[in-house]
C-alpha atoms as a PDB file:
ATOM      1  CA  MET A   1     -56.548  31.265  -0.788  1.00  0.00           C
ATOM      2  CA  LYS A   2     -55.842  28.935  -4.062  1.00  0.00           C
ATOM      3  CA  LYS A   3     -53.735  26.138  -2.986  1.00  0.00           C
ATOM      4  CA  TYR A   4     -50.584  25.841  -5.892  1.00  0.00           C
ATOM      5  CA  GLN A   5     -47.952  22.840  -6.452  1.00  0.00           C
ATOM      6  CA  PHE A   6     -47.084  24.069  -9.766  1.00  0.00           C
ATOM      7  CA  LEU A   7     -44.890  27.163 -10.268  1.00  0.00           C
ATOM      8  CA  PHE A   8     -43.538  28.505 -13.643  1.00  0.00           C
ATOM      9  CA  PHE A   9     -41.256  31.358 -13.886  1.00  0.00           C
ATOM     10  CA  ASP A  10     -40.150  33.421 -16.460  1.00  0.00           C
ATOM     11  CA  VAL A  11     -36.401  34.498 -16.403  1.00  0.00           C
ATOM     12  CA  ASP A  12     -34.914  37.613 -17.762  1.00  0.00           C
ATOM     13  CA  ASP A  13     -35.796  40.239 -15.473  1.00  0.00           C
ATOM     14  CA  THR A  14     -37.833  38.330 -13.250  1.00  0.00           C
ATOM     15  CA  LEU A  15     -35.137  36.102 -11.787  1.00  0.00           C
ATOM     16  CA  LEU A  16     -31.648  37.139 -13.973  1.00  0.00           C
ATOM     17  CA  ASP A  17     -31.002  41.036 -14.287  1.00  0.00           C
ATOM     18  CA  PHE A  18     -31.287  41.003 -18.469  1.00  0.00           C
ATOM     19  CA  GLY A  19     -30.878  44.498 -18.387  1.00  0.00           C
ATOM     20  CA  ALA A  20     -27.641  44.402 -16.756  1.00  0.00           C
ATOM     21  CA  ALA A  21     -26.479  41.322 -18.661  1.00  0.00           C
ATOM     22  CA  GLU A  22     -27.716  43.240 -21.942  1.00  0.00           C
ATOM     23  CA  LYS A  23     -26.508  46.616 -21.136  1.00  0.00           C
ATOM     24  CA  THR A  24     -22.180  45.049 -20.460  1.00  0.00           C
ATOM     25  CA  ALA A  25     -22.712  43.084 -23.198  1.00  0.00           C
ATOM     26  CA  LEU A  26     -23.412  45.715 -25.848  1.00  0.00           C
ATOM     27  CA  ARG A  27     -20.648  48.251 -24.431  1.00  0.00           C
ATOM     28  CA  LEU A  28     -18.420  45.014 -24.747  1.00  0.00           C
ATOM     29  CA  LEU A  29     -19.490  44.201 -28.615  1.00  0.00           C
ATOM     30  CA  PHE A  30     -19.270  47.811 -29.351  1.00  0.00           C
ATOM     31  CA  GLU A  31     -15.878  48.272 -27.905  1.00  0.00           C
ATOM     32  CA  ASP A  32     -14.963  44.926 -30.374  1.00  0.00           C
ATOM     33  CA  GLN A  33     -16.399  47.066 -33.040  1.00  0.00           C
ATOM     34  CA  ASN A  34     -14.202  50.283 -32.157  1.00  0.00           C
ATOM     35  CA  ILE A  35     -17.389  52.496 -32.088  1.00  0.00           C
ATOM     36  CA  PRO A  36     -18.380  54.151 -29.186  1.00  0.00           C
ATOM     37  CA  LEU A  37     -22.052  53.176 -27.875  1.00  0.00           C
ATOM     38  CA  THR A  38     -23.625  56.231 -27.104  1.00  0.00           C
ATOM     39  CA  SER A  39     -27.305  56.491 -25.209  1.00  0.00           C
ATOM     40  CA  GLU A  40     -28.677  57.293 -28.757  1.00  0.00           C
ATOM     41  CA  ILE A  41     -27.311  54.190 -30.417  1.00  0.00           C
ATOM     42  CA  GLU A  42     -28.761  51.744 -27.459  1.00  0.00           C
ATOM     43  CA  ALA A  43     -32.179  53.132 -27.518  1.00  0.00           C
ATOM     44  CA  HIS A  44     -32.098  52.799 -31.081  1.00  0.00           C
ATOM     45  CA  TYR A  45     -31.099  48.781 -30.536  1.00  0.00           C
ATOM     46  CA  LYS A  46     -33.520  48.712 -27.636  1.00  0.00           C
ATOM     47  CA  ARG A  47     -36.632  49.671 -29.614  1.00  0.00           C
ATOM     48  CA  ILE A  48     -35.415  47.360 -32.574  1.00  0.00           C
ATOM     49  CA  ASN A  49     -35.241  44.671 -30.307  1.00  0.00           C
ATOM     50  CA  GLN A  50     -38.164  45.194 -28.412  1.00  0.00           C
ATOM     51  CA  GLY A  51     -39.784  45.140 -31.425  1.00  0.00           C
ATOM     52  CA  LEU A  52     -38.705  41.644 -32.860  1.00  0.00           C
ATOM     53  CA  TRP A  53     -39.423  39.816 -30.032  1.00  0.00           C
ATOM     54  CA  GLN A  54     -43.254  41.139 -29.820  1.00  0.00           C
ATOM     55  CA  SER A  55     -43.607  39.886 -33.448  1.00  0.00           C
ATOM     56  CA  PHE A  56     -41.698  36.668 -32.275  1.00  0.00           C
ATOM     57  CA  GLU A  57     -44.570  36.549 -29.409  1.00  0.00           C
ATOM     58  CA  GLU A  58     -47.015  37.178 -32.011  1.00  0.00           C
ATOM     59  CA  GLY A  59     -45.643  34.373 -34.293  1.00  0.00           C
ATOM     60  CA  LYS A  60     -45.296  36.784 -36.815  1.00  0.00           C
ATOM     61  CA  ILE A  61     -41.454  35.847 -37.221  1.00  0.00           C
ATOM     62  CA  ASP A  62     -39.223  33.081 -35.977  1.00  0.00           C
ATOM     63  CA  ARG A  63     -36.421  33.479 -33.304  1.00  0.00           C
ATOM     64  CA  ASP A  64     -33.498  32.964 -36.218  1.00  0.00           C
ATOM     65  CA  THR A  65     -35.067  36.467 -37.537  1.00  0.00           C
ATOM     66  CA  VAL A  66     -35.360  37.877 -34.695  1.00  0.00           C
ATOM     67  CA  ILE A  67     -31.544  37.143 -33.485  1.00  0.00           C
ATOM     68  CA  ASN A  68     -29.767  37.145 -36.593  1.00  0.00           C
ATOM     69  CA  THR A  69     -31.253  40.422 -38.151  1.00  0.00           C
ATOM     70  CA  ARG A  70     -32.062  43.066 -34.997  1.00  0.00           C
ATOM     71  CA  PHE A  71     -27.889  44.159 -35.807  1.00  0.00           C
ATOM     72  CA  SER A  72     -27.673  44.335 -39.301  1.00  0.00           C
ATOM     73  CA  MET A  73     -31.148  46.464 -38.685  1.00  0.00           C
ATOM     74  CA  LEU A  74     -29.500  49.148 -35.977  1.00  0.00           C
ATOM     75  CA  PHE A  75     -26.977  49.678 -38.077  1.00  0.00           C
ATOM     76  CA  LYS A  76     -28.174  50.613 -41.227  1.00  0.00           C
ATOM     77  CA  GLU A  77     -29.851  53.018 -39.440  1.00  0.00           C
ATOM     78  CA  PHE A  78     -26.524  54.539 -39.130  1.00  0.00           C
ATOM     79  CA  ASP A  79     -25.289  53.838 -42.864  1.00  0.00           C
ATOM     80  CA  ARG A  80     -23.315  50.989 -41.994  1.00  0.00           C
ATOM     81  CA  GLU A  81     -23.273  47.312 -43.503  1.00  0.00           C
ATOM     82  CA  VAL A  82     -22.634  44.250 -41.184  1.00  0.00           C
ATOM     83  CA  ASP A  83     -22.745  40.921 -40.557  1.00  0.00           C
ATOM     84  CA  GLY A  84     -25.396  40.289 -38.306  1.00  0.00           C
ATOM     85  CA  CYS A  85     -24.822  36.987 -37.699  1.00  0.00           C
ATOM     86  CA  LEU A  86     -21.140  37.688 -36.763  1.00  0.00           C
ATOM     87  CA  LEU A  87     -21.990  40.151 -34.049  1.00  0.00           C
ATOM     88  CA  GLU A  88     -24.943  38.029 -33.147  1.00  0.00           C
ATOM     89  CA  ASN A  89     -22.584  35.174 -31.849  1.00  0.00           C
ATOM     90  CA  LYS A  90     -20.156  38.216 -30.350  1.00  0.00           C
ATOM     91  CA  TYR A  91     -23.278  39.888 -28.642  1.00  0.00           C
ATOM     92  CA  ARG A  92     -24.245  36.038 -27.625  1.00  0.00           C
ATOM     93  CA  ASN A  93     -20.695  35.144 -25.973  1.00  0.00           C
ATOM     94  CA  TYR A  94     -21.012  38.112 -24.022  1.00  0.00           C
ATOM     95  CA  LEU A  95     -24.176  37.864 -22.869  1.00  0.00           C
ATOM     96  CA  GLU A  96     -24.136  34.599 -21.226  1.00  0.00           C
ATOM     97  CA  GLU A  97     -22.077  35.513 -18.808  1.00  0.00           C
ATOM     98  CA  GLY A  98     -24.446  38.336 -18.015  1.00  0.00           C
ATOM     99  CA  ASN A  99     -26.337  36.207 -14.893  1.00  0.00           C
ATOM    100  CA  GLN A 100     -26.643  38.674 -12.271  1.00  0.00           C
ATOM    101  CA  PRO A 101     -29.845  37.800 -10.357  1.00  0.00           C
ATOM    102  CA  ILE A 102     -32.541  40.251  -9.250  1.00  0.00           C
ATOM    103  CA  GLU A 103     -32.800  40.858  -5.419  1.00  0.00           C
ATOM    104  CA  GLY A 104     -34.354  38.164  -3.477  1.00  0.00           C
ATOM    105  CA  ALA A 105     -34.127  35.626  -6.106  1.00  0.00           C
ATOM    106  CA  ILE A 106     -31.603  33.270  -4.901  1.00  0.00           C
ATOM    107  CA  GLU A 107     -33.491  32.872  -1.578  1.00  0.00           C
ATOM    108  CA  LEU A 108     -37.409  33.034  -2.754  1.00  0.00           C
ATOM    109  CA  ILE A 109     -36.545  30.147  -4.941  1.00  0.00           C
ATOM    110  CA  THR A 110     -34.143  28.511  -2.520  1.00  0.00           C
ATOM    111  CA  GLY A 111     -37.251  28.375  -0.145  1.00  0.00           C
ATOM    112  CA  LEU A 112     -39.927  27.656  -2.114  1.00  0.00           C
ATOM    113  CA  GLN A 113     -38.197  24.492  -3.902  1.00  0.00           C
ATOM    114  CA  THR A 114     -38.688  22.171  -1.120  1.00  0.00           C
ATOM    115  CA  GLN A 115     -42.443  23.060  -1.284  1.00  0.00           C
ATOM    116  CA  TYR A 116     -43.466  23.502  -4.621  1.00  0.00           C
ATOM    117  CA  ASP A 117     -42.774  22.191  -8.121  1.00  0.00           C
ATOM    118  CA  LEU A 118     -40.824  24.662  -9.779  1.00  0.00           C
ATOM    119  CA  TYR A 119     -40.153  24.954 -13.324  1.00  0.00           C
ATOM    120  CA  ILE A 120     -38.552  27.629 -15.796  1.00  0.00           C
ATOM    121  CA  VAL A 121     -41.013  29.207 -18.698  1.00  0.00           C
ATOM    122  CA  THR A 122     -38.596  31.304 -20.730  1.00  0.00           C
ATOM    123  CA  ASN A 123     -38.255  32.509 -24.499  1.00  0.00           C
ATOM    124  CA  GLY A 124     -34.887  33.227 -25.646  1.00  0.00           C
ATOM    125  CA  VAL A 125     -31.888  30.933 -26.695  1.00  0.00           C
ATOM    126  CA  SER A 126     -31.397  27.792 -24.963  1.00  0.00           C
ATOM    127  CA  LYS A 127     -27.548  27.756 -24.953  1.00  0.00           C
ATOM    128  CA  THR A 128     -27.966  30.991 -23.341  1.00  0.00           C
ATOM    129  CA  GLN A 129     -30.312  30.994 -21.162  1.00  0.00           C
ATOM    130  CA  ASP A 130     -28.916  27.469 -19.823  1.00  0.00           C
ATOM    131  CA  LYS A 131     -25.610  28.743 -18.574  1.00  0.00           C
ATOM    132  CA  ARG A 132     -26.824  31.683 -17.122  1.00  0.00           C
ATOM    133  CA  LEU A 133     -29.153  29.984 -15.166  1.00  0.00           C
ATOM    134  CA  ARG A 134     -26.327  27.370 -14.117  1.00  0.00           C
ATOM    135  CA  ASN A 135     -24.067  30.125 -13.544  1.00  0.00           C
ATOM    136  CA  SER A 136     -25.825  32.030 -11.136  1.00  0.00           C
ATOM    137  CA  GLY A 137     -26.566  28.614  -9.217  1.00  0.00           C
ATOM    138  CA  LEU A 138     -30.057  28.639  -9.759  1.00  0.00           C
ATOM    139  CA  HIS A 139     -30.528  25.452 -12.580  1.00  0.00           C
ATOM    140  CA  PRO A 140     -30.607  22.772 -10.253  1.00  0.00           C
ATOM    141  CA  LEU A 141     -33.153  24.095  -7.783  1.00  0.00           C
ATOM    142  CA  PHE A 142     -35.365  23.807 -10.885  1.00  0.00           C
ATOM    143  CA  LYS A 143     -37.214  20.024 -12.155  1.00  0.00           C
ATOM    144  CA  ASN A 144     -37.112  21.327 -15.744  1.00  0.00           C
ATOM    145  CA  ILE A 145     -36.178  24.202 -18.061  1.00  0.00           C
ATOM    146  CA  PHE A 146     -38.519  25.011 -21.082  1.00  0.00           C
ATOM    147  CA  VAL A 147     -36.964  27.399 -23.416  1.00  0.00           C
ATOM    148  CA  SER A 148     -38.706  28.257 -26.145  1.00  0.00           C
ATOM    149  CA  GLU A 149     -36.366  27.328 -28.936  1.00  0.00           C
ATOM    150  CA  ASP A 150     -36.707  23.839 -27.272  1.00  0.00           C
ATOM    151  CA  THR A 151     -40.335  23.637 -27.582  1.00  0.00           C
ATOM    152  CA  GLY A 152     -41.183  25.229 -31.112  1.00  0.00           C
ATOM    153  CA  TYR A 153     -43.617  27.673 -29.564  1.00  0.00           C
ATOM    154  CA  GLN A 154     -42.625  30.412 -27.351  1.00  0.00           C
ATOM    155  CA  LYS A 155     -45.079  32.612 -24.883  1.00  0.00           C
ATOM    156  CA  PRO A 156     -47.689  33.351 -25.219  1.00  0.00           C
ATOM    157  CA  MET A 157     -48.689  30.774 -27.261  1.00  0.00           C
ATOM    158  CA  LYS A 158     -51.297  28.415 -25.966  1.00  0.00           C
ATOM    159  CA  GLU A 159     -49.300  25.287 -27.863  1.00  0.00           C
ATOM    160  CA  TYR A 160     -46.125  26.596 -25.981  1.00  0.00           C
ATOM    161  CA  PHE A 161     -47.330  25.475 -22.492  1.00  0.00           C
ATOM    162  CA  GLU A 162     -49.248  22.695 -23.701  1.00  0.00           C
ATOM    163  CA  TYR A 163     -45.859  21.214 -24.876  1.00  0.00           C
ATOM    164  CA  VAL A 164     -45.045  22.718 -20.992  1.00  0.00           C
ATOM    165  CA  PHE A 165     -48.009  20.549 -19.310  1.00  0.00           C
ATOM    166  CA  ALA A 166     -47.387  17.477 -21.360  1.00  0.00           C
ATOM    167  CA  ARG A 167     -44.030  17.057 -19.365  1.00  0.00           C
ATOM    168  CA  ILE A 168     -44.876  17.446 -15.808  1.00  0.00           C
ATOM    169  CA  PRO A 169     -46.118  14.446 -13.899  1.00  0.00           C
ATOM    170  CA  ASN A 170     -49.748  14.826 -12.232  1.00  0.00           C
ATOM    171  CA  PHE A 171     -49.739  18.025 -13.615  1.00  0.00           C
ATOM    172  CA  THR A 172     -53.187  20.438 -13.501  1.00  0.00           C
ATOM    173  CA  VAL A 173     -53.941  23.885 -14.475  1.00  0.00           C
ATOM    174  CA  GLU A 174     -55.632  24.591 -11.434  1.00  0.00           C
ATOM    175  CA  SER A 175     -52.816  24.199  -8.998  1.00  0.00           C
ATOM    176  CA  GLY A 176     -50.520  25.999 -11.399  1.00  0.00           C
ATOM    177  CA  LEU A 177     -49.209  29.561 -11.069  1.00  0.00           C
ATOM    178  CA  ILE A 178     -47.117  31.690 -13.198  1.00  0.00           C
ATOM    179  CA  ILE A 179     -45.143  34.861 -12.528  1.00  0.00           C
ATOM    180  CA  GLY A 180     -42.825  36.615 -14.645  1.00  0.00           C
ATOM    181  CA  ASP A 181     -42.651  40.577 -15.457  1.00  0.00           C
ATOM    182  CA  SER A 182     -44.183  40.586 -19.149  1.00  0.00           C
ATOM    183  CA  LEU A 183     -47.877  41.171 -19.581  1.00  0.00           C
ATOM    184  CA  SER A 184     -47.612  40.377 -22.730  1.00  0.00           C
ATOM    185  CA  ALA A 185     -45.710  37.162 -23.012  1.00  0.00           C
ATOM    186  CA  ASP A 186     -46.056  35.570 -19.245  1.00  0.00           C
ATOM    187  CA  ILE A 187     -49.516  37.049 -17.996  1.00  0.00           C
ATOM    188  CA  LYS A 188     -51.320  37.033 -21.573  1.00  0.00           C
ATOM    189  CA  GLY A 189     -49.816  33.228 -22.188  1.00  0.00           C
ATOM    190  CA  GLY A 190     -50.302  32.392 -18.781  1.00  0.00           C
ATOM    191  CA  GLN A 191     -54.323  33.619 -18.825  1.00  0.00           C
ATOM    192  CA  ILE A 192     -54.882  31.675 -22.589  1.00  0.00           C
ATOM    193  CA  ALA A 193     -53.016  28.387 -20.804  1.00  0.00           C
ATOM    194  CA  GLY A 194     -55.853  28.794 -18.013  1.00  0.00           C
ATOM    195  CA  LEU A 195     -53.647  29.485 -15.303  1.00  0.00           C
ATOM    196  CA  ASP A 196     -53.188  32.003 -12.545  1.00  0.00           C
ATOM    197  CA  THR A 197     -51.251  34.796 -13.212  1.00  0.00           C
ATOM    198  CA  CYS A 198     -48.379  36.518 -10.755  1.00  0.00           C
ATOM    199  CA  TRP A 199     -47.155  40.058 -12.638  1.00  0.00           C
ATOM    200  CA  PHE A 200     -43.427  40.940 -10.988  1.00  0.00           C
ATOM    201  CA  ASN A 201     -43.433  44.852 -11.502  1.00  0.00           C
ATOM    202  CA  PRO A 202     -40.688  46.236  -9.588  1.00  0.00           C
ATOM    203  CA  GLY A 203     -40.315  49.808 -11.650  1.00  0.00           C
ATOM    204  CA  GLN A 204     -44.533  49.792 -10.942  1.00  0.00           C
ATOM    205  CA  LYS A 205     -45.403  50.416 -14.902  1.00  0.00           C
ATOM    206  CA  PRO A 206     -48.741  51.204 -15.546  1.00  0.00           C
ATOM    207  CA  ASN A 207     -50.974  48.469 -17.251  1.00  0.00           C
ATOM    208  CA  ASP A 208     -53.386  49.752 -19.784  1.00  0.00           C
ATOM    209  CA  THR A 209     -53.094  46.470 -21.791  1.00  0.00           C
ATOM    210  CA  GLY A 210     -56.483  44.901 -20.424  1.00  0.00           C
ATOM    211  CA  ILE A 211     -54.189  42.115 -19.308  1.00  0.00           C
ATOM    212  CA  GLU A 212     -55.287  41.941 -15.704  1.00  0.00           C
ATOM    213  CA  PRO A 213     -52.859  39.505 -13.629  1.00  0.00           C
ATOM    214  CA  THR A 214     -54.469  37.392 -10.847  1.00  0.00           C
ATOM    215  CA  TYR A 215     -51.889  39.101  -8.687  1.00  0.00           C
ATOM    216  CA  GLN A 216     -49.129  41.861  -8.634  1.00  0.00           C
ATOM    217  CA  ILE A 217     -45.731  42.039  -6.434  1.00  0.00           C
ATOM    218  CA  GLN A 218     -43.285  44.376  -6.810  1.00  0.00           C
ATOM    219  CA  LYS A 219     -40.855  42.414  -4.769  1.00  0.00           C
ATOM    220  CA  LEU A 220     -40.038  38.921  -4.991  1.00  0.00           C
ATOM    221  CA  GLU A 221     -40.372  38.244  -1.937  1.00  0.00           C
ATOM    222  CA  GLU A 222     -44.141  39.469  -1.832  1.00  0.00           C
ATOM    223  CA  LEU A 223     -44.930  36.384  -2.942  1.00  0.00           C
ATOM    224  CA  TYR A 224     -44.852  34.482  -0.015  1.00  0.00           C
ATOM    225  CA  ARG A 225     -48.651  36.538   0.045  1.00  0.00           C
ATOM    226  CA  VAL A 226     -50.288  34.711  -2.139  1.00  0.00           C
ATOM    227  CA  PHE A 227     -49.147  31.462  -0.786  1.00  0.00           C
ATOM    228  CA  ALA A 228     -49.804  32.252   3.220  1.00  0.00           C
END
């Protein structure tokens, strides 16, 4: 078994329950607009949002395009013109309050932080991720937080990881492991960077991507097996 020293954790749907935060934020945003949030509208939003973030991961668009156009694109499908930036700001304020940890996250990170060098690697908006991590109590348990907005690059880009590695004292890629729920961002990015990878897959989603992680876990506590 390899000896790891540097552990890189994704945030959304790995340590913090982004699905719950997103659902609450959308409900509050639509209440603010006096529009019922139907399952159809929510499904439309998720499809648009996921498509935009995928394009961002692939380097086709920048972060501002993702967050400032998703709501205008959504409402356009329902023949309604809105200020996408204004709605984004309202949504972001609601989303920042979503800091519910994934089951076992606090216990895992608390246990690991005395034995390993822990880092956050996340695509997203710096202010939002910072507030959610602080409010959850996770922030002080990590040696550094690397958000794509601050680096100028994003997972899975090699340049993102080069930026991260350059800021970690005595780092060696052989002693690093990345843990995340996204095959396209976390696992593919880790592989591009030369890291071993651990796919957090609580829903047992099928993997037909051709991206094969070094390890796969369903519960965060199973990570201890990797270090046994």
